[in-house]
C-alpha atoms as a PDB file:
ATOM      1  CA  MET A   1       0.163   0.022   0.022  1.00  0.00           C
ATOM      2  CA  SER A   2       1.299   3.429  -0.740  1.00  0.00           C
ATOM      3  CA  VAL A   3       0.358   6.767   1.040  1.00  0.00           C
ATOM      4  CA  VAL A   4      -0.769   9.791  -1.237  1.00  0.00           C
ATOM      5  CA  ALA A   5      -0.759  13.303  -0.183  1.00  0.00           C
ATOM      6  CA  LEU A   6      -3.720  15.189  -1.848  1.00  0.00           C
ATOM      7  CA  VAL A   7      -3.414  18.849  -1.906  1.00  0.00           C
ATOM      8  CA  LEU A   8      -6.870  20.469  -2.445  1.00  0.00           C
ATOM      9  CA  ALA A   9      -6.350  23.678  -4.455  1.00  0.00           C
ATOM     10  CA  ALA A  10      -9.431  24.240  -6.366  1.00  0.00           C
ATOM     11  CA  GLY A  11     -11.434  26.668  -4.297  1.00  0.00           C
ATOM     12  CA  SER A  12     -12.054  30.104  -5.111  1.00  0.00           C
ATOM     13  CA  SER A  13     -10.978  31.634  -1.893  1.00  0.00           C
ATOM     14  CA  VAL A  14     -13.730  33.894  -1.821  1.00  0.00           C
ATOM     15  CA  ARG A  15     -13.403  34.239   2.181  1.00  0.00           C
ATOM     16  CA  PHE A  16     -10.118  35.901   1.554  1.00  0.00           C
ATOM     17  CA  GLY A  17     -10.745  38.569  -0.746  1.00  0.00           C
ATOM     18  CA  ALA A  18      -8.300  36.998  -3.443  1.00  0.00           C
ATOM     19  CA  ASP A  19      -6.591  33.788  -4.632  1.00  0.00           C
ATOM     20  CA  LYS A  20      -4.726  32.793  -1.502  1.00  0.00           C
ATOM     21  CA  ARG A  21      -2.839  30.314  -3.481  1.00  0.00           C
ATOM     22  CA  ARG A  22      -0.790  32.911  -5.301  1.00  0.00           C
ATOM     23  CA  ALA A  23       0.017  34.744  -1.893  1.00  0.00           C
ATOM     24  CA  LEU A  24       3.762  35.156  -1.836  1.00  0.00           C
ATOM     25  CA  MET A  25       5.835  33.777   0.977  1.00  0.00           C
ATOM     26  CA  ALA A  26       9.016  35.721   2.390  1.00  0.00           C
ATOM     27  CA  ASP A  27      11.301  33.735  -0.221  1.00  0.00           C
ATOM     28  CA  GLY A  28       9.265  34.654  -3.036  1.00  0.00           C
ATOM     29  CA  ARG A  29       7.212  31.603  -3.605  1.00  0.00           C
ATOM     30  CA  SER A  30       3.541  31.099  -3.848  1.00  0.00           C
ATOM     31  CA  LEU A  31       1.830  29.595  -0.803  1.00  0.00           C
ATOM     32  CA  LEU A  32       0.643  26.992  -3.089  1.00  0.00           C
ATOM     33  CA  VAL A  33       3.998  26.068  -4.484  1.00  0.00           C
ATOM     34  CA  HIS A  34       5.506  26.128  -0.935  1.00  0.00           C
ATOM     35  CA  SER A  35       2.531  23.548   0.263  1.00  0.00           C
ATOM     36  CA  VAL A  36       3.186  21.279  -2.701  1.00  0.00           C
ATOM     37  CA  GLU A  37       6.929  21.327  -2.495  1.00  0.00           C
ATOM     38  CA  ARG A  38       6.738  20.478   1.295  1.00  0.00           C
ATOM     39  CA  ALA A  39       4.446  17.630   0.635  1.00  0.00           C
ATOM     40  CA  CYS A  40       6.769  16.205  -2.282  1.00  0.00           C
ATOM     41  CA  ALA A  41       9.573  16.174   0.357  1.00  0.00           C
ATOM     42  CA  VAL A  42       7.600  13.839   2.201  1.00  0.00           C
ATOM     43  CA  PHE A  43       5.568  11.791  -0.164  1.00  0.00           C
ATOM     44  CA  ASP A  44       6.270   9.854  -3.269  1.00  0.00           C
ATOM     45  CA  ASP A  45       3.120  10.444  -4.733  1.00  0.00           C
ATOM     46  CA  VAL A  46       1.491  14.103  -4.635  1.00  0.00           C
ATOM     47  CA  ARG A  47      -1.566  14.865  -6.213  1.00  0.00           C
ATOM     48  CA  VAL A  48      -2.798  18.605  -6.606  1.00  0.00           C
ATOM     49  CA  VAL A  49      -6.764  18.962  -7.359  1.00  0.00           C
ATOM     50  CA  LEU A  50      -7.144  22.243  -9.174  1.00  0.00           C
ATOM     51  CA  ARG A  51      -9.918  24.221 -10.832  1.00  0.00           C
ATOM     52  CA  ASP A  52     -11.104  22.535 -14.449  1.00  0.00           C
ATOM     53  CA  GLY A  53      -8.859  24.108 -16.940  1.00  0.00           C
ATOM     54  CA  GLU A  54      -6.060  25.102 -14.874  1.00  0.00           C
ATOM     55  CA  ARG A  55      -2.362  24.015 -15.668  1.00  0.00           C
ATOM     56  CA  GLY A  56       0.145  22.820 -12.813  1.00  0.00           C
ATOM     57  CA  GLU A  57       3.020  24.784 -14.810  1.00  0.00           C
ATOM     58  CA  ALA A  58       1.074  27.983 -14.925  1.00  0.00           C
ATOM     59  CA  LEU A  59       0.803  28.031 -11.473  1.00  0.00           C
ATOM     60  CA  GLY A  60       4.320  27.070 -11.046  1.00  0.00           C
ATOM     61  CA  LEU A  61       3.982  23.744  -9.563  1.00  0.00           C
ATOM     62  CA  PRO A  62       6.624  21.033  -9.585  1.00  0.00           C
ATOM     63  CA  SER A  63       6.772  18.374 -12.105  1.00  0.00           C
ATOM     64  CA  ALA A  64       6.976  15.790  -9.308  1.00  0.00           C
ATOM     65  CA  CYS A  65       2.907  16.233  -8.296  1.00  0.00           C
ATOM     66  CA  ARG A  66       0.124  15.099 -10.374  1.00  0.00           C
ATOM     67  CA  VAL A  67      -2.323  17.819 -11.301  1.00  0.00           C
ATOM     68  CA  ILE A  68      -6.176  16.440 -11.128  1.00  0.00           C
ATOM     69  CA  CYS A  69      -8.547  18.684 -12.608  1.00  0.00           C
ATOM     70  CA  SER A  70     -12.154  19.261 -10.682  1.00  0.00           C
ATOM     71  CA  ALA A  71     -14.873  19.999 -13.193  1.00  0.00           C
ATOM     72  CA  ASP A  72     -17.276  20.481 -10.490  1.00  0.00           C
ATOM     73  CA  HIS A  73     -15.118  22.409  -8.289  1.00  0.00           C
ATOM     74  CA  ALA A  74     -17.607  25.326  -7.727  1.00  0.00           C
ATOM     75  CA  GLN A  75     -20.131  23.070  -6.283  1.00  0.00           C
ATOM     76  CA  GLY A  76     -17.705  22.963  -3.322  1.00  0.00           C
ATOM     77  CA  LEU A  77     -14.936  20.959  -1.168  1.00  0.00           C
ATOM     78  CA  GLY A  78     -16.714  17.888  -1.588  1.00  0.00           C
ATOM     79  CA  HIS A  79     -16.667  17.743  -5.138  1.00  0.00           C
ATOM     80  CA  SER A  80     -12.930  18.686  -5.266  1.00  0.00           C
ATOM     81  CA  LEU A  81     -12.223  15.830  -3.001  1.00  0.00           C
ATOM     82  CA  ALA A  82     -14.365  13.517  -4.890  1.00  0.00           C
ATOM     83  CA  ALA A  83     -12.002  14.142  -7.912  1.00  0.00           C
ATOM     84  CA  GLY A  84      -8.905  13.536  -6.040  1.00  0.00           C
ATOM     85  CA  ALA A  85     -10.500  10.319  -4.667  1.00  0.00           C
ATOM     86  CA  ALA A  86     -11.260   9.024  -7.817  1.00  0.00           C
ATOM     87  CA  SER A  87      -7.653   9.741  -9.233  1.00  0.00           C
ATOM     88  CA  LEU A  88      -6.648   6.872  -6.770  1.00  0.00           C
ATOM     89  CA  LEU A  89      -8.754   4.390  -8.712  1.00  0.00           C
END
């Protein structure tokens, strides 16, 4: 059995007023890139759930992660989680 890290990053960030995934850390990396890089340092299989149509390269994600698109991301966190879980099958 292998352990998979699932990073849910398909939300619209409406509670924060802007896309918090792009918020910059002190070292210049985005919050999302920092989080995914940390996960890649610990897990062999890292999957990032993004909004439908988004590309990991455009967000600066490391190539070591697998991008999963959630077509139903606007319907809530559960749909993004379902897309991530479906990628495990």
